[in-house]
Amino acid sequence: MTPIDWTILGVYAVSTLGLGWFFGRKQKSTKEYFVGSGKMNPFIIGVSLFATLLSTITYLAVPGEVLGKGPIYLSNYLAYPFVYLTIGYILLPVYMRQKVTSAYELLEERLGLSIRLLGATMFLMLRLVWMSLLVYLTAKAIAIMIGASDDMVPVIALVTGTFAIAYTSMGGLRAVVITDMLQTLLLYGGALLVIGTITFKMGGFGWFPSEWQHEVWDVQPVFSLDPSTRITIVGSIVSVFLFIVCTAAGDQVSIQRFMSTRDAKAARKAIAVQLTVGMIVGTTLGVVGLALLGYFQTNPGNLPLDLPLKEQADKLFPHYIAFHLPPIVTGLVVSGLFAAAMSSVDSGVNSITAVVLTDFLGRLRSKPNSKEAQIQFARKLAVGIGVVVVSLSSLIKYIPGNFFGITNRVVNLLTVPIALLFIFALFVPFANAKGVWIGVICSVVCAILVSFSGVIFGTNPQTGQDLISFQFITPVAFVVGLSVGLIACKIFTERKVS
């Protein structure tokens, strides 16, 4: 990176602090801090949902996945129409009947305090690890781009986290969603710039593959009865459908944004925007992977390591940004990568702060009484949570797998179990706390067993893959948790009646 590239990155980082300060001046209550007073524009909220839930994972994982494994994962966008119908017309009409700051307030009235605290605790665990993962992956990619060693990854993670925490703690949700909008533009623009420069260097679209790249890509069938098959088209559609629906159903990050809109109709528009932007940006990043594959196959001398292309797929996107883009363009793309990490950290920190303040400290009556003191306390709490995230990011390196595999292992562990709490509370008339506890515990156990099947049970001796693919995490956790929970709820309901 040249001095002009560093300048562009610095200007962007400082501008986020300015936005945080600007919106922070107008806040008069914690409601404004956490949900923007409930009247925010659904288009901006939809873009923020996309940037929060997919940004860093998409930006880092999809190009490497398509380059090194094959493009079949992109078939997951076939699930999006069904996702929209399920969330928009089944979940949102129920959720938007009552406005809440913390999603887990919805659980207590139906299933009691223990279920509310269970949901809030699992959310905290999920998002703390999730944000730590994103900070780590981004720091690792930036280290590659600036030619730094792995020893510098914790320092880069600290800088990234510091900026995100600073403007989030100052500006609350309004600062988060506005910066998410800017970050999405940078993220998408960066992908287009990479495709454009590769097309220019190769004199056209000769990089686009005309056949399956057998020497690089895995076998990726439509469907397979072998659970160790890493990715199938059907598996992609089912797992992505369940992941997005369950995230919308039980994750504070999503529900907090629904509550920031005026009503169910506005929230439905936000979901439509999220899915549309996600499909456009995700497909574009898949094309980035194809472009990088064609470029490095044509120019093998430009590979960063003396290893087969497949084994360094995750490193090629950040490597190309650092060493093969012209000045200024590099700065813009690196800013997009930096923005991708911050858009995930800022939203997570804001949502976790809302949960801690509402579900734990609020119940213990230990939060300040005045509105001004509550806002100041929320800001200090956001800083503390951010420090925890940056500290945990140093442990992510011990999770095996490529960027894409790691994100799926971590993100899918508790997403379904949390959503099951809301499904039982809002849609199962005979649900009770004991039955739900049993179902959710079984769901978590199954998610862990599938996620780390390679570590627990060993790998397939022929392919080296885990015995059970990560695509089975969400379906297995959902089916087992829902089935066991329904049976357990029925048993305990009958006992109570007798």
Protein backbone atom coordinates (compact mmCIF):
# COMPACT_ATOMS: atom_id res chain seq x y z
CA MET A 1 0.00 0.00 0.00
CA THR A 2 1.23 3.47 -0.93
CA PRO A 3 0.89 6.63 1.21
CA ILE A 4 -2.22 7.67 -0.76
CA ASP A 5 -3.85 4.32 0.05
CA TRP A 6 -3.13 4.76 3.75
CA THR A 7 -4.56 8.29 3.54
CA ILE A 8 -7.82 7.02 2.03
CA LEU A 9 -8.11 4.38 4.75
CA GLY A 10 -7.38 6.96 7.46
CA VAL A 11 -9.94 9.44 6.12
CA TYR A 12 -12.61 6.76 6.08
CA ALA A 13 -11.84 5.61 9.63
CA VAL A 14 -11.90 9.15 11.02
CA SER A 15 -15.15 9.97 9.18
CA THR A 16 -16.89 7.11 11.04
CA LEU A 17 -15.92 8.75 14.32
CA GLY A 18 -17.42 12.01 13.09
CA LEU A 19 -20.71 10.28 12.29
CA GLY A 20 -20.79 8.72 15.75
CA TRP A 21 -20.25 12.11 17.39
CA PHE A 22 -22.90 13.77 15.18
CA PHE A 23 -25.66 11.30 16.01
CA GLY A 24 -24.60 11.04 19.64
CA ARG A 25 -25.38 14.71 20.25
CA LYS A 26 -29.10 14.19 19.55
CA GLN A 27 -29.75 11.23 21.82
CA LYS A 28 -32.08 11.86 24.75
CA SER A 29 -33.02 8.29 25.78
CA THR A 30 -31.89 4.67 25.56
CA LYS A 31 -34.79 4.01 23.18
CA GLU A 32 -33.22 6.45 20.72
CA TYR A 33 -29.80 4.87 21.38
CA PHE A 34 -30.94 1.28 20.69
CA VAL A 35 -33.85 1.45 18.22
CA GLY A 36 -33.73 4.97 16.78
CA SER A 37 -37.16 5.78 18.29
CA GLY A 38 -38.82 3.13 16.08
CA LYS A 39 -39.34 5.20 12.92
CA MET A 40 -36.25 4.55 10.81
CA ASN A 41 -36.27 4.20 7.02
CA PRO A 42 -36.80 0.55 6.00
CA PHE A 43 -34.39 0.83 3.07
CA ILE A 44 -31.53 1.93 5.30
CA ILE A 45 -32.47 -0.73 7.87
CA GLY A 46 -32.45 -3.41 5.15
CA VAL A 47 -28.98 -2.43 3.98
CA SER A 48 -27.82 -2.38 7.58
CA LEU A 49 -29.19 -5.91 8.09
CA PHE A 50 -27.20 -7.11 5.11
CA ALA A 51 -24.00 -5.34 6.15
CA THR A 52 -24.27 -6.59 9.72
CA LEU A 53 -25.00 -10.25 9.07
CA LEU A 54 -23.07 -10.92 5.88
CA SER A 55 -20.40 -8.30 5.33
CA THR A 56 -17.08 -9.73 6.49
CA ILE A 57 -18.11 -13.33 5.93
CA THR A 58 -19.18 -12.49 2.39
CA TYR A 59 -16.23 -10.25 1.62
CA LEU A 60 -13.56 -12.70 2.76
CA ALA A 61 -15.12 -16.15 2.49
CA VAL A 62 -17.11 -16.21 -0.77
CA PRO A 63 -14.28 -15.32 -3.22
CA GLY A 64 -11.98 -17.89 -1.59
CA GLU A 65 -14.77 -20.50 -1.49
CA VAL A 66 -15.68 -20.08 -5.17
CA LEU A 67 -12.03 -19.93 -6.23
CA GLY A 68 -10.83 -22.96 -4.30
CA LYS A 69 -13.94 -25.16 -3.95
CA GLY A 70 -16.33 -24.26 -6.77
CA PRO A 71 -19.34 -21.98 -7.44
CA ILE A 72 -22.13 -24.29 -6.26
CA TYR A 73 -22.56 -22.40 -2.98
CA LEU A 74 -24.03 -19.51 -4.96
CA SER A 75 -27.10 -21.69 -5.52
CA ASN A 76 -28.13 -20.72 -1.97
CA TYR A 77 -29.77 -17.59 -3.40
CA LEU A 78 -32.53 -19.85 -4.75
CA ALA A 79 -33.73 -20.00 -1.14
CA TYR A 80 -34.27 -16.24 -0.87
CA PRO A 81 -37.89 -16.05 -2.17
CA PHE A 82 -38.92 -18.66 0.43
CA VAL A 83 -36.95 -16.78 3.11
CA TYR A 84 -38.83 -13.57 2.30
CA LEU A 85 -42.26 -15.22 2.43
CA THR A 86 -41.51 -17.00 5.71
CA ILE A 87 -40.08 -13.98 7.52
CA GLY A 88 -42.33 -11.35 5.97
CA TYR A 89 -45.69 -13.07 6.32
CA ILE A 90 -45.25 -15.56 9.18
CA LEU A 91 -42.72 -14.10 11.62
CA LEU A 92 -43.02 -10.32 11.31
CA PRO A 93 -46.81 -10.00 11.86
CA VAL A 94 -46.35 -11.77 15.21
CA TYR A 95 -43.15 -10.00 16.27
CA MET A 96 -44.29 -6.47 15.43
CA ARG A 97 -47.41 -6.63 17.59
CA GLN A 98 -45.41 -5.30 20.51
CA LYS A 99 -42.40 -3.01 20.50
CA VAL A 100 -39.47 -4.13 22.65
CA THR A 101 -35.85 -3.06 23.14
CA SER A 102 -34.58 -6.58 23.73
CA ALA A 103 -36.00 -9.43 21.66
CA TYR A 104 -35.89 -11.69 24.69
CA GLU A 105 -38.58 -9.67 26.45
CA LEU A 106 -40.97 -11.55 24.14
CA LEU A 107 -40.03 -14.86 25.80
CA GLU A 108 -40.71 -14.10 29.46
CA GLU A 109 -44.45 -13.55 29.32
CA ARG A 110 -45.08 -16.89 27.60
CA LEU A 111 -42.38 -19.19 29.04
CA GLY A 112 -41.02 -17.44 32.13
CA LEU A 113 -37.85 -15.73 33.24
CA SER A 114 -35.56 -18.77 32.86
CA ILE A 115 -36.27 -18.99 29.11
CA ARG A 116 -35.75 -15.25 28.68
CA LEU A 117 -32.36 -15.43 30.41
CA LEU A 118 -31.46 -18.58 28.46
CA GLY A 119 -32.14 -16.82 25.16
CA ALA A 120 -30.25 -13.69 26.18
CA THR A 121 -27.26 -15.72 27.42
CA MET A 122 -27.03 -17.82 24.25
CA PHE A 123 -27.25 -14.65 22.18
CA LEU A 124 -24.36 -13.08 24.10
CA MET A 125 -22.24 -16.19 23.60
CA LEU A 126 -23.04 -16.39 19.88
CA ARG A 127 -22.40 -12.75 19.06
CA LEU A 128 -19.26 -12.39 21.17
CA VAL A 129 -17.66 -15.35 19.38
CA TRP A 130 -19.09 -14.24 16.02
CA MET A 131 -17.65 -10.73 16.30
CA SER A 132 -14.32 -12.10 17.49
CA LEU A 133 -14.24 -14.32 14.40
CA LEU A 134 -14.91 -11.40 12.07
CA VAL A 135 -12.30 -9.19 13.69
CA TYR A 136 -9.74 -12.00 13.44
CA LEU A 137 -10.46 -12.86 9.78
CA THR A 138 -10.29 -9.21 8.79
CA ALA A 139 -7.06 -8.62 10.70
CA LYS A 140 -5.53 -11.69 9.07
CA ALA A 141 -6.51 -10.49 5.59
CA ILE A 142 -5.21 -6.96 6.21
CA ALA A 143 -1.93 -8.46 7.50
CA ILE A 144 -1.57 -10.24 4.15
CA MET A 145 -2.28 -7.02 2.26
CA ILE A 146 0.30 -4.92 4.08
CA GLY A 147 2.89 -7.68 4.12
CA ALA A 148 2.82 -8.06 7.90
CA SER A 149 3.53 -11.28 9.77
CA ASP A 150 0.93 -13.20 11.77
CA ASP A 151 2.37 -11.60 14.91
CA MET A 152 0.77 -8.31 13.81
CA VAL A 153 -2.74 -9.77 13.56
CA PRO A 154 -3.65 -8.93 17.21
CA VAL A 155 -2.47 -5.33 16.70
CA ILE A 156 -4.55 -4.93 13.54
CA ALA A 157 -7.54 -6.48 15.35
CA LEU A 158 -7.11 -3.92 18.14
CA VAL A 159 -7.13 -0.98 15.70
CA THR A 160 -10.18 -2.30 13.81
CA GLY A 161 -12.10 -2.94 17.00
CA THR A 162 -11.18 0.43 18.49
CA PHE A 163 -12.67 2.45 15.64
CA ALA A 164 -15.85 0.35 15.50
CA ILE A 165 -16.34 0.54 19.26
CA ALA A 166 -15.70 4.28 19.35
CA TYR A 167 -18.38 5.40 16.88
CA THR A 168 -20.85 2.74 18.06
CA SER A 169 -20.60 3.77 21.70
CA MET A 170 -21.04 7.43 20.75
CA GLY A 171 -23.77 7.27 18.12
CA GLY A 172 -25.94 4.25 18.94
CA LEU A 173 -28.10 2.53 16.33
CA ARG A 174 -28.47 5.56 14.05
CA ALA A 175 -24.69 5.84 13.67
CA VAL A 176 -24.50 2.09 13.12
CA VAL A 177 -27.04 1.92 10.30
CA ILE A 178 -25.74 5.02 8.50
CA THR A 179 -22.15 3.76 8.57
CA ASP A 180 -23.41 0.34 7.49
CA MET A 181 -24.83 2.04 4.40
CA LEU A 182 -21.47 3.63 3.58
CA GLN A 183 -19.66 0.38 4.31
CA THR A 184 -21.89 -1.57 1.93
CA LEU A 185 -21.13 0.88 -0.87
CA LEU A 186 -17.40 0.51 -0.24
CA LEU A 187 -17.69 -3.26 0.00
CA TYR A 188 -19.55 -3.59 -3.30
CA GLY A 189 -17.42 -0.98 -5.03
CA GLY A 190 -14.28 -2.82 -4.02
CA ALA A 191 -15.54 -6.06 -5.56
CA LEU A 192 -16.36 -4.29 -8.83
CA LEU A 193 -12.93 -2.68 -8.91
CA VAL A 194 -11.20 -6.06 -8.58
CA ILE A 195 -13.29 -7.54 -11.40
CA GLY A 196 -12.64 -4.45 -13.54
CA THR A 197 -8.86 -4.47 -13.10
CA ILE A 198 -8.57 -8.21 -13.83
CA THR A 199 -10.72 -7.80 -16.95
CA PHE A 200 -8.51 -4.89 -18.08
CA LYS A 201 -5.25 -6.77 -17.45
CA MET A 202 -6.45 -9.86 -19.31
CA GLY A 203 -7.91 -7.90 -22.23
CA GLY A 204 -11.47 -9.03 -21.70
CA PHE A 205 -13.47 -11.71 -19.96
CA GLY A 206 -11.16 -14.58 -20.82
CA TRP A 207 -10.89 -15.31 -17.10
CA PHE A 208 -14.47 -16.62 -16.97
CA PRO A 209 -14.32 -20.45 -16.84
CA SER A 210 -15.96 -22.31 -19.73
CA GLU A 211 -15.92 -25.68 -17.95
CA TRP A 212 -15.66 -27.23 -14.49
CA GLN A 213 -12.15 -26.75 -13.08
CA HIS A 214 -11.51 -30.35 -11.99
CA GLU A 215 -7.92 -29.68 -10.95
CA VAL A 216 -9.06 -27.06 -8.44
CA TRP A 217 -12.73 -27.48 -7.56
CA ASP A 218 -14.38 -30.17 -5.45
CA VAL A 219 -17.13 -32.45 -6.68
CA GLN A 220 -20.33 -30.59 -5.74
CA PRO A 221 -23.46 -32.59 -6.66
CA VAL A 222 -27.10 -31.53 -6.60
CA PHE A 223 -27.81 -33.99 -3.77
CA SER A 224 -25.91 -36.69 -1.94
CA LEU A 225 -26.78 -39.34 0.63
CA ASP A 226 -23.17 -39.22 1.87
CA PRO A 227 -23.18 -36.83 4.88
CA SER A 228 -19.46 -36.13 4.42
CA THR A 229 -20.04 -34.49 1.02
CA ARG A 230 -18.96 -30.94 1.80
CA ILE A 231 -21.46 -28.98 -0.29
CA THR A 232 -24.49 -29.88 -2.42
CA ILE A 233 -27.03 -27.64 -4.12
CA VAL A 234 -29.90 -28.95 -1.99
CA GLY A 235 -27.78 -28.67 1.15
CA SER A 236 -26.92 -25.04 0.35
CA ILE A 237 -30.55 -24.08 -0.20
CA VAL A 238 -31.83 -25.79 2.96
CA SER A 239 -29.03 -24.64 5.28
CA VAL A 240 -29.15 -21.02 4.07
CA PHE A 241 -32.95 -20.93 4.33
CA LEU A 242 -32.85 -22.15 7.92
CA PHE A 243 -29.93 -19.90 8.88
CA ILE A 244 -31.52 -16.66 7.64
CA VAL A 245 -34.99 -17.48 8.97
CA CYS A 246 -33.62 -18.55 12.36
CA THR A 247 -31.44 -15.44 12.54
CA ALA A 248 -34.49 -13.25 11.88
CA ALA A 249 -36.53 -15.26 14.38
CA GLY A 250 -34.21 -15.17 17.38
CA ASP A 251 -31.24 -12.85 16.96
CA GLN A 252 -31.28 -9.49 18.72
CA VAL A 253 -29.29 -7.96 15.85
CA SER A 254 -32.16 -8.63 13.44
CA ILE A 255 -35.12 -8.11 15.77
CA GLN A 256 -33.66 -4.83 17.04
CA ARG A 257 -33.71 -3.55 13.47
CA PHE A 258 -37.27 -4.72 12.88
CA MET A 259 -38.30 -2.81 16.00
CA SER A 260 -36.59 0.32 14.68
CA THR A 261 -39.11 0.46 11.79
CA ARG A 262 -42.68 1.75 12.04
CA ASP A 263 -44.68 -1.47 11.55
CA ALA A 264 -44.74 -4.96 10.00
CA LYS A 265 -45.12 -3.55 6.49
CA ALA A 266 -41.99 -1.40 6.87
CA ALA A 267 -40.09 -4.30 8.42
CA ARG A 268 -41.11 -6.47 5.45
CA LYS A 269 -39.61 -3.87 3.11
CA ALA A 270 -36.40 -3.98 5.13
CA ILE A 271 -36.19 -7.78 4.69
CA ALA A 272 -36.75 -7.43 0.94
CA VAL A 273 -33.92 -4.88 0.73
CA GLN A 274 -31.61 -7.08 2.82
CA LEU A 275 -32.15 -10.13 0.62
CA THR A 276 -31.87 -8.17 -2.64
CA VAL A 277 -28.63 -6.46 -1.64
CA GLY A 278 -27.28 -9.73 -0.26
CA MET A 279 -27.95 -11.56 -3.52
CA ILE A 280 -26.39 -8.82 -5.67
CA VAL A 281 -23.26 -8.39 -3.56
CA GLY A 282 -22.85 -12.11 -2.87
CA THR A 283 -23.10 -13.01 -6.55
CA THR A 284 -20.63 -10.27 -7.43
CA LEU A 285 -18.16 -11.60 -4.87
CA GLY A 286 -18.59 -15.06 -6.36
CA VAL A 287 -17.61 -13.59 -9.71
CA VAL A 288 -14.57 -12.06 -7.98
CA GLY A 289 -13.53 -15.59 -7.06
CA LEU A 290 -13.88 -16.72 -10.69
CA ALA A 291 -11.90 -13.70 -11.89
CA LEU A 292 -9.10 -14.37 -9.41
CA LEU A 293 -9.01 -18.04 -10.44
CA GLY A 294 -8.64 -17.13 -14.11
CA TYR A 295 -6.01 -14.49 -13.37
CA PHE A 296 -3.75 -16.71 -11.26
CA GLN A 297 -4.15 -19.69 -13.60
CA THR A 298 -2.92 -17.44 -16.40
CA ASN A 299 -0.21 -15.86 -14.21
CA PRO A 300 0.98 -18.60 -11.81
CA GLY A 301 4.18 -16.66 -11.17
CA ASN A 302 2.14 -14.08 -9.26
CA LEU A 303 0.94 -16.57 -6.64
CA PRO A 304 2.07 -15.54 -3.14
CA LEU A 305 3.26 -19.04 -2.12
CA ASP A 306 4.89 -21.99 -3.86
CA LEU A 307 1.84 -24.17 -3.20
CA PRO A 308 -1.04 -25.48 -5.32
CA LEU A 309 -3.56 -22.75 -6.08
CA LYS A 310 -6.30 -24.63 -4.18
CA GLU A 311 -4.32 -24.60 -0.92
CA GLN A 312 -3.94 -20.82 -0.85
CA ALA A 313 -7.39 -19.82 -2.13
CA ASP A 314 -8.29 -17.76 0.96
CA LYS A 315 -5.13 -15.65 0.62
CA LEU A 316 -5.49 -14.71 -3.04
CA PHE A 317 -8.17 -12.03 -2.68
CA PRO A 318 -6.28 -9.96 -0.07
CA HIS A 319 -2.99 -10.69 -1.88
CA TYR A 320 -4.37 -9.37 -5.18
CA ILE A 321 -5.70 -6.25 -3.47
CA ALA A 322 -2.32 -5.50 -1.92
CA PHE A 323 0.02 -6.27 -4.79
CA HIS A 324 -1.90 -6.10 -8.08
CA LEU A 325 -4.25 -3.13 -7.79
CA PRO A 326 -3.14 0.41 -8.71
CA PRO A 327 -2.76 3.06 -5.98
CA ILE A 328 -5.98 4.74 -4.82
CA VAL A 329 -7.94 1.68 -5.97
CA THR A 330 -6.08 -0.36 -3.35
CA GLY A 331 -6.96 2.18 -0.69
CA LEU A 332 -10.64 2.08 -1.63
CA VAL A 333 -10.78 -1.71 -1.60
CA VAL A 334 -8.90 -2.00 1.70
CA SER A 335 -11.33 0.54 3.14
CA GLY A 336 -14.13 -1.75 2.00
CA LEU A 337 -12.56 -4.67 3.83
CA PHE A 338 -12.02 -2.53 6.93
CA ALA A 339 -15.61 -1.33 6.65
CA ALA A 340 -16.89 -4.89 6.39
CA ALA A 341 -15.39 -5.77 9.75
CA MET A 342 -16.60 -2.61 11.46
CA SER A 343 -20.17 -3.01 10.17
CA SER A 344 -20.36 -6.36 11.93
CA VAL A 345 -18.67 -5.26 15.14
CA ASP A 346 -20.68 -2.05 15.53
CA SER A 347 -24.06 -3.77 15.19
CA GLY A 348 -23.07 -6.63 17.46
CA VAL A 349 -21.78 -4.33 20.18
CA ASN A 350 -24.92 -2.18 20.05
CA SER A 351 -27.22 -5.22 20.23
CA ILE A 352 -25.27 -6.91 23.03
CA THR A 353 -25.35 -3.66 25.02
CA ALA A 354 -29.14 -3.52 24.61
CA VAL A 355 -29.50 -7.11 25.86
CA VAL A 356 -27.18 -6.68 28.85
CA LEU A 357 -28.84 -3.42 29.87
CA THR A 358 -32.42 -4.67 29.42
CA ASP A 359 -32.37 -8.39 30.25
CA PHE A 360 -29.79 -8.46 33.03
CA LEU A 361 -29.03 -5.08 34.61
CA GLY A 362 -32.59 -3.83 34.09
CA ARG A 363 -34.04 -6.79 35.95
CA LEU A 364 -31.54 -6.38 38.76
CA ARG A 365 -32.48 -2.69 38.98
CA SER A 366 -28.81 -1.79 38.90
CA LYS A 367 -28.92 0.59 35.93
CA PRO A 368 -28.97 4.39 36.48
CA ASN A 369 -32.31 6.15 36.97
CA SER A 370 -31.97 9.27 34.80
CA LYS A 371 -32.15 8.99 30.99
CA GLU A 372 -28.88 10.86 30.52
CA ALA A 373 -27.07 8.62 33.00
CA GLN A 374 -28.52 5.53 31.27
CA ILE A 375 -27.12 6.63 27.90
CA GLN A 376 -23.69 7.27 29.41
CA PHE A 377 -23.81 3.89 31.12
CA ALA A 378 -24.81 2.21 27.82
CA ARG A 379 -21.83 3.84 26.08
CA LYS A 380 -19.40 2.65 28.74
CA LEU A 381 -20.90 -0.83 28.56
CA ALA A 382 -20.46 -0.85 24.76
CA VAL A 383 -16.77 -0.03 25.19
CA GLY A 384 -16.35 -2.87 27.69
CA ILE A 385 -18.03 -5.36 25.36
CA GLY A 386 -15.81 -4.24 22.52
CA VAL A 387 -12.71 -4.88 24.61
CA VAL A 388 -13.92 -8.44 25.27
CA VAL A 389 -14.47 -9.01 21.54
CA VAL A 390 -10.97 -7.87 20.57
CA SER A 391 -9.47 -10.02 23.32
CA LEU A 392 -11.37 -13.14 22.21
CA SER A 393 -10.34 -12.67 18.58
CA SER A 394 -6.87 -13.97 19.41
CA LEU A 395 -8.36 -17.43 20.14
CA ILE A 396 -10.08 -17.91 16.76
CA LYS A 397 -6.85 -19.12 15.11
CA TYR A 398 -7.30 -22.44 16.90
CA ILE A 399 -10.51 -23.29 14.95
CA PRO A 400 -9.62 -25.48 11.91
CA GLY A 401 -10.78 -24.86 8.33
CA ASN A 402 -10.85 -22.21 5.61
CA PHE A 403 -12.60 -18.86 6.06
CA PHE A 404 -15.91 -20.24 4.82
CA GLY A 405 -15.79 -23.42 6.88
CA ILE A 406 -14.81 -21.59 10.07
CA THR A 407 -17.63 -19.07 9.77
CA ASN A 408 -20.21 -21.80 9.24
CA ARG A 409 -18.95 -23.81 12.23
CA VAL A 410 -19.09 -20.83 14.57
CA VAL A 411 -22.16 -18.92 13.36
CA ASN A 412 -24.43 -21.97 13.12
CA LEU A 413 -23.80 -23.37 16.60
CA LEU A 414 -26.44 -21.39 18.50
CA THR A 415 -28.48 -19.72 15.75
CA VAL A 416 -31.09 -22.51 15.55
CA PRO A 417 -31.36 -23.15 19.32
CA ILE A 418 -32.05 -19.46 19.96
CA ALA A 419 -34.69 -19.35 17.23
CA LEU A 420 -36.38 -22.44 18.69
CA LEU A 421 -37.08 -20.49 21.89
CA PHE A 422 -39.15 -17.98 19.93
CA ILE A 423 -40.86 -20.65 17.82
CA PHE A 424 -42.03 -22.45 20.97
CA ALA A 425 -42.98 -19.22 22.77
CA LEU A 426 -44.90 -17.60 19.93
CA PHE A 427 -46.23 -20.50 17.84
CA VAL A 428 -46.69 -23.56 20.10
CA PRO A 429 -49.77 -23.21 22.38
CA PHE A 430 -48.82 -26.07 24.74
CA ALA A 431 -45.16 -25.04 25.14
CA ASN A 432 -43.72 -24.94 28.65
CA ALA A 433 -40.34 -24.07 30.12
CA LYS A 434 -39.24 -27.63 30.99
CA GLY A 435 -40.01 -29.00 27.53
CA VAL A 436 -38.31 -26.06 25.82
CA TRP A 437 -35.18 -26.44 27.95
CA ILE A 438 -34.92 -30.11 26.96
CA GLY A 439 -35.46 -29.40 23.25
CA VAL A 440 -32.94 -26.55 23.14
CA ILE A 441 -30.26 -28.54 25.01
CA CYS A 442 -30.64 -31.40 22.50
CA SER A 443 -30.42 -28.88 19.63
CA VAL A 444 -27.19 -27.38 20.98
CA VAL A 445 -25.61 -30.81 21.51
CA CYS A 446 -26.45 -31.87 17.95
CA ALA A 447 -25.08 -28.61 16.52
CA ILE A 448 -21.78 -29.14 18.35
CA LEU A 449 -21.50 -32.79 17.29
CA VAL A 450 -22.09 -31.95 13.62
CA SER A 451 -19.97 -28.80 13.63
CA PHE A 452 -16.92 -30.54 15.04
CA SER A 453 -17.57 -34.05 13.72
CA GLY A 454 -14.07 -34.19 12.24
CA VAL A 455 -12.46 -33.45 15.60
CA ILE A 456 -14.80 -35.73 17.59
CA PHE A 457 -15.30 -38.70 15.24
CA GLY A 458 -12.41 -38.36 12.77
CA THR A 459 -12.45 -37.64 9.03
CA ASN A 460 -13.38 -39.58 5.91
CA PRO A 461 -10.24 -41.64 5.10
CA GLN A 462 -10.76 -41.26 1.35
CA THR A 463 -11.55 -37.55 1.07
CA GLY A 464 -10.14 -36.14 4.29
CA GLN A 465 -13.46 -34.31 4.85
CA ASP A 466 -15.38 -34.25 8.14
CA LEU A 467 -17.69 -37.24 8.51
CA ILE A 468 -20.64 -34.83 8.58
CA SER A 469 -20.60 -31.65 6.47
CA PHE A 470 -21.19 -28.27 8.11
CA GLN A 471 -24.28 -27.96 5.86
CA PHE A 472 -26.04 -30.37 8.21
CA ILE A 473 -25.57 -28.18 11.31
CA THR A 474 -28.76 -26.13 10.94
CA PRO A 475 -31.08 -28.87 9.58
CA VAL A 476 -30.08 -31.42 12.23
CA ALA A 477 -30.18 -28.90 15.09
CA PHE A 478 -33.60 -27.66 13.94
CA VAL A 479 -35.26 -31.06 13.38
CA VAL A 480 -33.90 -32.64 16.58
CA GLY A 481 -34.55 -29.58 18.77
CA LEU A 482 -38.09 -29.03 17.47
CA SER A 483 -39.07 -32.72 17.63
CA VAL A 484 -37.66 -33.36 21.09
CA GLY A 485 -39.03 -30.06 22.39
CA LEU A 486 -42.55 -30.75 21.12
CA ILE A 487 -42.57 -34.22 22.69
CA ALA A 488 -41.15 -32.94 25.98
CA CYS A 489 -43.63 -30.04 26.11
CA LYS A 490 -46.51 -32.44 25.51
CA ILE A 491 -45.30 -34.77 28.25
CA PHE A 492 -44.93 -32.05 30.85
CA THR A 493 -48.24 -30.46 29.85
CA GLU A 494 -50.05 -33.76 30.35
CA ARG A 495 -48.38 -34.30 33.71
CA LYS A 496 -49.44 -30.86 34.83
CA VAL A 497 -53.06 -31.47 33.86
CA SER A 498 -53.21 -34.84 35.62
